[in-house]
Protein backbone atom coordinates (compact mmCIF):
# COMPACT_ATOMS: atom_id res chain seq x y z
CA MET A 1 -4.46 7.80 -4.92
CA LYS A 2 -1.18 6.82 -3.29
CA SER A 3 0.03 10.40 -3.32
CA PHE A 4 -3.09 11.60 -1.49
CA THR A 5 -2.62 8.92 1.22
CA VAL A 6 0.99 9.93 1.88
CA LYS A 7 0.08 13.60 2.25
CA THR A 8 -2.72 12.76 4.68
CA VAL A 9 -0.46 10.68 6.94
CA PHE A 10 2.19 13.41 6.92
CA LEU A 11 -0.38 16.03 7.88
CA ILE A 12 -1.69 13.93 10.80
CA ALA A 13 1.85 13.30 12.11
CA PHE A 14 2.63 17.01 11.91
CA CYS A 15 -0.51 17.85 13.89
CA ILE A 16 0.39 15.33 16.62
CA ILE A 17 3.90 16.74 17.02
CA LEU A 18 2.61 20.30 17.07
CA SER A 19 -0.01 19.36 19.67
CA GLY A 20 2.67 17.80 21.90
CA ILE A 21 4.78 20.97 21.77
CA THR A 22 1.78 23.13 22.66
CA ASN A 23 0.92 20.97 25.70
CA ALA A 24 4.52 21.15 26.96
CA GLN A 25 4.52 24.91 26.69
CA THR A 26 1.31 25.25 28.74
CA LYS A 27 2.41 23.07 31.69
CA VAL A 28 1.02 24.37 34.98
CA VAL A 29 3.67 25.59 37.43
CA THR A 30 3.85 27.20 40.87
CA LEU A 31 6.25 30.01 41.68
CA LEU A 32 7.78 29.62 45.15
CA GLN A 33 9.07 32.96 46.36
CA GLY A 34 10.08 34.62 49.62
CA THR A 35 12.86 36.29 51.56
CA ILE A 36 15.73 34.97 53.71
CA THR A 37 16.66 36.96 56.81
CA ASP A 38 19.00 36.63 59.79
CA GLU A 39 17.18 35.22 62.81
CA ALA A 40 18.95 37.52 65.29
CA SER A 41 19.17 40.85 63.48
CA GLY A 42 16.37 40.58 60.91
CA LYS A 43 18.74 41.71 58.16
CA PHE A 44 18.48 40.26 54.66
CA VAL A 45 20.80 37.37 53.85
CA GLY A 46 22.24 36.25 50.54
CA ALA A 47 22.32 32.45 50.64
CA ASP A 48 22.42 29.45 48.32
CA PHE A 49 19.34 27.23 48.16
CA GLU A 50 18.78 23.71 46.86
CA ILE A 51 15.25 22.34 46.39
CA THR A 52 14.82 18.58 45.95
CA ASP A 53 11.59 16.90 44.81
CA ALA A 54 10.36 13.40 45.67
CA ALA A 55 12.19 11.91 42.67
CA GLY A 56 15.52 13.47 43.66
CA ALA A 57 15.55 16.19 40.99
CA LYS A 58 17.20 19.38 42.24
CA THR A 59 16.59 23.07 41.64
CA ARG A 60 19.39 25.41 42.71
CA GLY A 61 19.69 29.15 43.06
CA LYS A 62 20.67 32.08 45.30
CA SER A 63 18.82 34.75 47.21
CA ALA A 64 19.63 38.40 46.52
CA PRO A 65 22.00 39.86 49.17
CA ASN A 66 20.36 43.30 49.07
CA ASN A 67 16.80 42.17 49.84
CA GLY A 68 17.07 38.41 50.58
CA SER A 69 14.52 37.52 47.89
CA PHE A 70 14.49 34.17 46.07
CA GLN A 71 12.31 32.46 43.47
CA ALA A 72 11.97 28.91 42.15
CA VAL A 73 9.58 27.42 39.57
CA LEU A 74 8.11 24.13 40.84
CA GLU A 75 5.19 21.80 40.17
CA PRO A 76 1.98 22.33 42.18
CA GLY A 77 0.99 19.64 44.66
CA GLY A 78 4.54 18.36 45.11
CA THR A 79 6.50 17.88 48.33
CA TYR A 80 9.97 19.40 48.34
CA THR A 81 12.97 19.59 50.66
CA ILE A 82 14.64 23.00 50.66
CA SER A 83 18.14 23.52 52.05
CA LEU A 84 19.62 26.97 52.71
CA PHE A 85 23.38 27.28 53.13
CA SER A 86 26.32 29.64 52.73
CA PHE A 87 29.82 30.20 54.07
CA ASP A 88 28.55 32.41 56.90
CA ILE A 89 25.29 30.75 57.99
CA LEU A 90 24.24 27.44 59.51
CA ARG A 91 22.61 25.06 57.04
CA LYS A 92 18.83 25.02 57.39
CA THR A 93 16.66 22.26 55.90
CA GLU A 94 12.87 22.20 55.80
CA THR A 95 10.11 20.36 53.94
CA ILE A 96 7.34 22.16 52.09
CA THR A 97 4.27 20.80 50.27
CA LEU A 98 2.78 23.05 47.60
CA PRO A 99 -1.01 23.14 47.23
CA PRO A 100 -2.41 21.53 44.07
CA SER A 101 -3.48 23.94 41.34
CA GLU A 102 -4.83 23.72 37.80
CA LYS A 103 -3.45 27.10 36.83
CA TYR A 104 -0.37 29.22 37.46
CA SER A 105 -0.04 30.03 41.16
CA ILE A 106 2.33 31.79 43.55
CA VAL A 107 3.32 30.53 47.02
CA THR A 108 5.20 32.86 49.38
CA LYS A 109 7.42 31.35 52.07
CA ASP A 110 9.97 33.29 54.14
CA TYR A 111 12.92 31.70 55.97
CA LYS A 112 15.10 32.73 58.90
CA VAL A 113 18.69 31.49 59.23
CA GLN A 114 21.46 31.77 61.83
CA LYS A 115 24.55 33.77 60.94
CA LEU A 116 27.84 32.39 62.23
CA ARG A 117 29.17 33.96 65.42
CA ALA A 118 32.11 33.22 67.70
CA GLY A 119 31.58 30.31 70.08
CA MET A 120 28.45 28.89 68.45
CA GLU A 121 28.01 25.14 67.90
CA LEU A 122 27.94 24.34 64.20
CA ASN A 123 26.70 20.77 64.43
CA ALA A 124 26.54 17.63 66.55
CA LEU A 125 26.23 14.31 64.77
CA HIS A 126 26.88 10.59 65.17
CA ALA A 127 29.80 10.35 62.77
CA PHE A 128 30.85 6.77 63.60
CA LYS A 129 29.31 3.38 64.24
CA ALA A 130 29.87 1.79 67.65
CA GLY A 131 33.46 0.65 68.12
CA GLN A 132 34.57 1.99 64.72
CA SER A 133 36.66 4.92 63.53
CA ASN A 134 35.45 5.04 59.92
CA LEU A 135 33.36 8.10 59.10
CA SER A 136 29.74 7.49 58.14
CA GLN A 137 28.39 8.71 54.82
CA GLN A 138 26.44 11.42 56.63
CA ALA A 139 29.64 12.65 58.27
CA ILE A 140 31.55 12.60 54.97
CA GLU A 141 28.87 14.78 53.37
CA TYR A 142 28.87 17.17 56.32
CA PHE A 143 32.66 17.58 56.34
CA ALA A 144 32.57 18.22 52.58
CA GLU A 145 30.16 21.07 53.30
CA LEU A 146 32.38 22.31 56.16
CA LYS A 147 35.40 22.36 53.85
CA GLU A 148 33.47 24.45 51.35
CA MET A 149 32.48 26.87 54.13
CA MET A 150 36.10 27.20 55.21
CA ARG A 151 37.24 27.64 51.61
CA ARG A 152 34.85 30.56 51.12
CA ASN A 153 35.41 32.02 54.59
CA ARG A 154 39.17 32.13 55.24
CA SER A 155 38.68 33.65 58.71
CA LEU A 156 36.57 30.71 59.93
CA THR A 157 38.23 28.53 62.59
CA VAL A 158 36.63 25.48 64.21
CA ILE A 159 37.11 23.23 67.23
CA ILE A 160 36.02 19.60 66.80
CA ASN A 161 35.50 17.20 69.71
CA THR A 162 35.59 13.46 69.06
CA TYR A 163 34.42 10.93 71.64
CA GLY A 164 34.65 7.20 72.15
CA ASP A 165 31.77 4.88 72.93
CA GLU A 166 30.07 5.11 76.32
CA ALA A 167 29.78 1.32 76.51
CA LEU A 168 33.55 0.87 76.36
CA LYS A 169 34.32 2.80 79.55
CA PRO A 170 35.99 0.71 82.34
CA PRO A 171 33.86 -0.34 85.33
CA PRO A 172 33.96 1.92 88.40
CA PRO A 173 36.43 0.98 91.20
CA PRO A 174 35.09 -1.14 94.10
CA GLU A 175 33.73 0.49 97.23
CA PRO A 176 36.34 1.08 99.99
CA ILE A 177 36.43 -1.43 102.86
CA ALA A 178 34.86 0.03 106.01
CA GLU A 179 36.97 -0.30 109.18
CA PRO A 180 35.22 -2.17 112.05
CA THR A 181 34.28 -0.07 115.07
CA PRO A 182 35.88 -1.40 118.31
CA GLU A 183 33.49 -2.23 121.15
CA PRO A 184 33.67 0.14 124.13
CA VAL A 185 35.36 -1.14 127.32
CA LYS A 186 32.88 -1.78 130.12
CA LYS A 187 33.82 -0.09 133.40
CA GLY A 188 32.88 -1.71 136.71
CA LYS A 189 34.04 -2.45 140.26
CA SER A 190 36.69 -5.10 140.56
CA LYS A 191 36.71 -7.46 143.55
CA GLY A 192 40.34 -8.40 143.77
CA LYS A 193 40.42 -9.34 140.15
CA LYS A 194 42.54 -7.66 137.60
CA VAL A 195 40.55 -6.28 134.73
CA VAL A 196 42.10 -7.31 131.46
CA PRO A 197 41.31 -4.90 128.66
CA PRO A 198 39.90 -6.52 125.56
CA THR A 199 42.25 -7.42 122.78
CA PRO A 200 42.17 -4.74 120.12
CA PRO A 201 40.93 -5.91 116.76
CA PRO A 202 43.52 -6.62 114.11
CA PRO A 203 44.25 -3.78 111.74
CA PRO A 204 42.23 -3.80 108.55
CA PRO A 205 43.97 -5.26 105.54
CA ALA A 206 45.75 -2.84 103.31
CA PRO A 207 43.52 -1.76 100.43
CA VAL A 208 44.24 -3.58 97.24
CA GLU A 209 45.04 -1.20 94.46
CA VAL A 210 42.61 -1.92 91.68
CA VAL A 211 44.06 -1.07 88.32
CA PRO A 212 41.25 -0.87 85.78
CA PRO A 213 41.98 -2.15 82.32
CA GLU A 214 43.36 0.38 79.93
CA PRO A 215 40.29 2.28 78.72
CA LEU A 216 39.51 1.57 75.08
CA ILE A 217 37.51 4.76 74.83
CA ASP A 218 40.65 6.92 74.78
CA HIS A 219 42.20 5.02 71.88
CA LEU A 220 38.93 5.05 69.96
CA ALA A 221 38.52 8.79 70.43
CA VAL A 222 42.07 9.38 69.18
CA GLN A 223 41.49 7.18 66.12
CA ARG A 224 38.30 9.05 65.35
CA GLY A 225 40.11 12.35 65.72
CA ASP A 226 42.70 11.12 63.22
CA ALA A 227 39.91 10.23 60.77
CA VAL A 228 38.48 13.74 61.03
CA LYS A 229 41.94 15.27 60.65
CA LEU A 230 42.54 13.20 57.52
CA ILE A 231 39.35 14.26 55.76
CA LEU A 232 40.04 17.95 56.53
CA GLN A 233 43.73 17.89 55.67
CA ASP A 234 43.29 19.77 52.38
CA VAL A 235 41.73 22.82 54.09
CA LYS A 236 44.11 25.73 53.67
CA ASN A 237 46.06 26.41 56.89
CA SER A 238 44.21 23.55 58.56
CA GLU A 239 46.91 23.22 61.22
CA THR A 240 45.98 26.64 62.63
CA ARG A 241 42.29 26.86 61.68
CA ILE A 242 41.15 23.41 62.87
CA LYS A 243 41.63 22.12 66.41
CA ILE A 244 40.63 18.53 67.15
CA ILE A 245 40.14 17.57 70.80
CA THR A 246 40.07 13.86 71.65
CA ASP A 247 40.53 13.87 75.44
CA ALA A 248 37.26 15.57 76.39
CA PRO A 249 35.38 13.80 79.22
């Protein structure tokens, strides 16, 4: 009797485990596919992509350089953030929500990116808090990406402008003092009396040279430029490939 009971329990446990494996193998998925092309020329682009779900899990891959095609297996009904990047394109980030489905489905989504060209603006971001020269976390992540771009593209050179805070600029100089207009001399007939011309007004006081306080914005811009230079110092040939301007108006 005991032997029969043991065999029965073992058989039930085996069926439960087998059932769990079968359910995992038949999980419903959605295939996200499409092509990546250059916005200007329409040519196919080989780029890296990173897809992040609501929980922060990431799916990474690359599109094919010859036809720009990419594929990723995702869960239906989920909302995802997809980022496209490479050493010769501007990063592109979009959000996509897949339709719910109870069976295997395919969603096609094409993307257009901007290839790097001479003179184009790569990015503009608030890299510092007001009055500070410490890089924000967003700026640190961006410069890490820029370093990777410059590592993979040795011909890439950049110009970076750093600015101070608008609120720290010195006040404008005072308005100039207007000179008084002398009254005209009245002409008339004199009857034996000598006409005495009016006394000219005294000369206006010499303008006082107003020396504004030394502008803090210049020092802050320089300090911020130094912070950018420090984080990019390990870029190969950074002294010739990276120009940091801190005196821009």
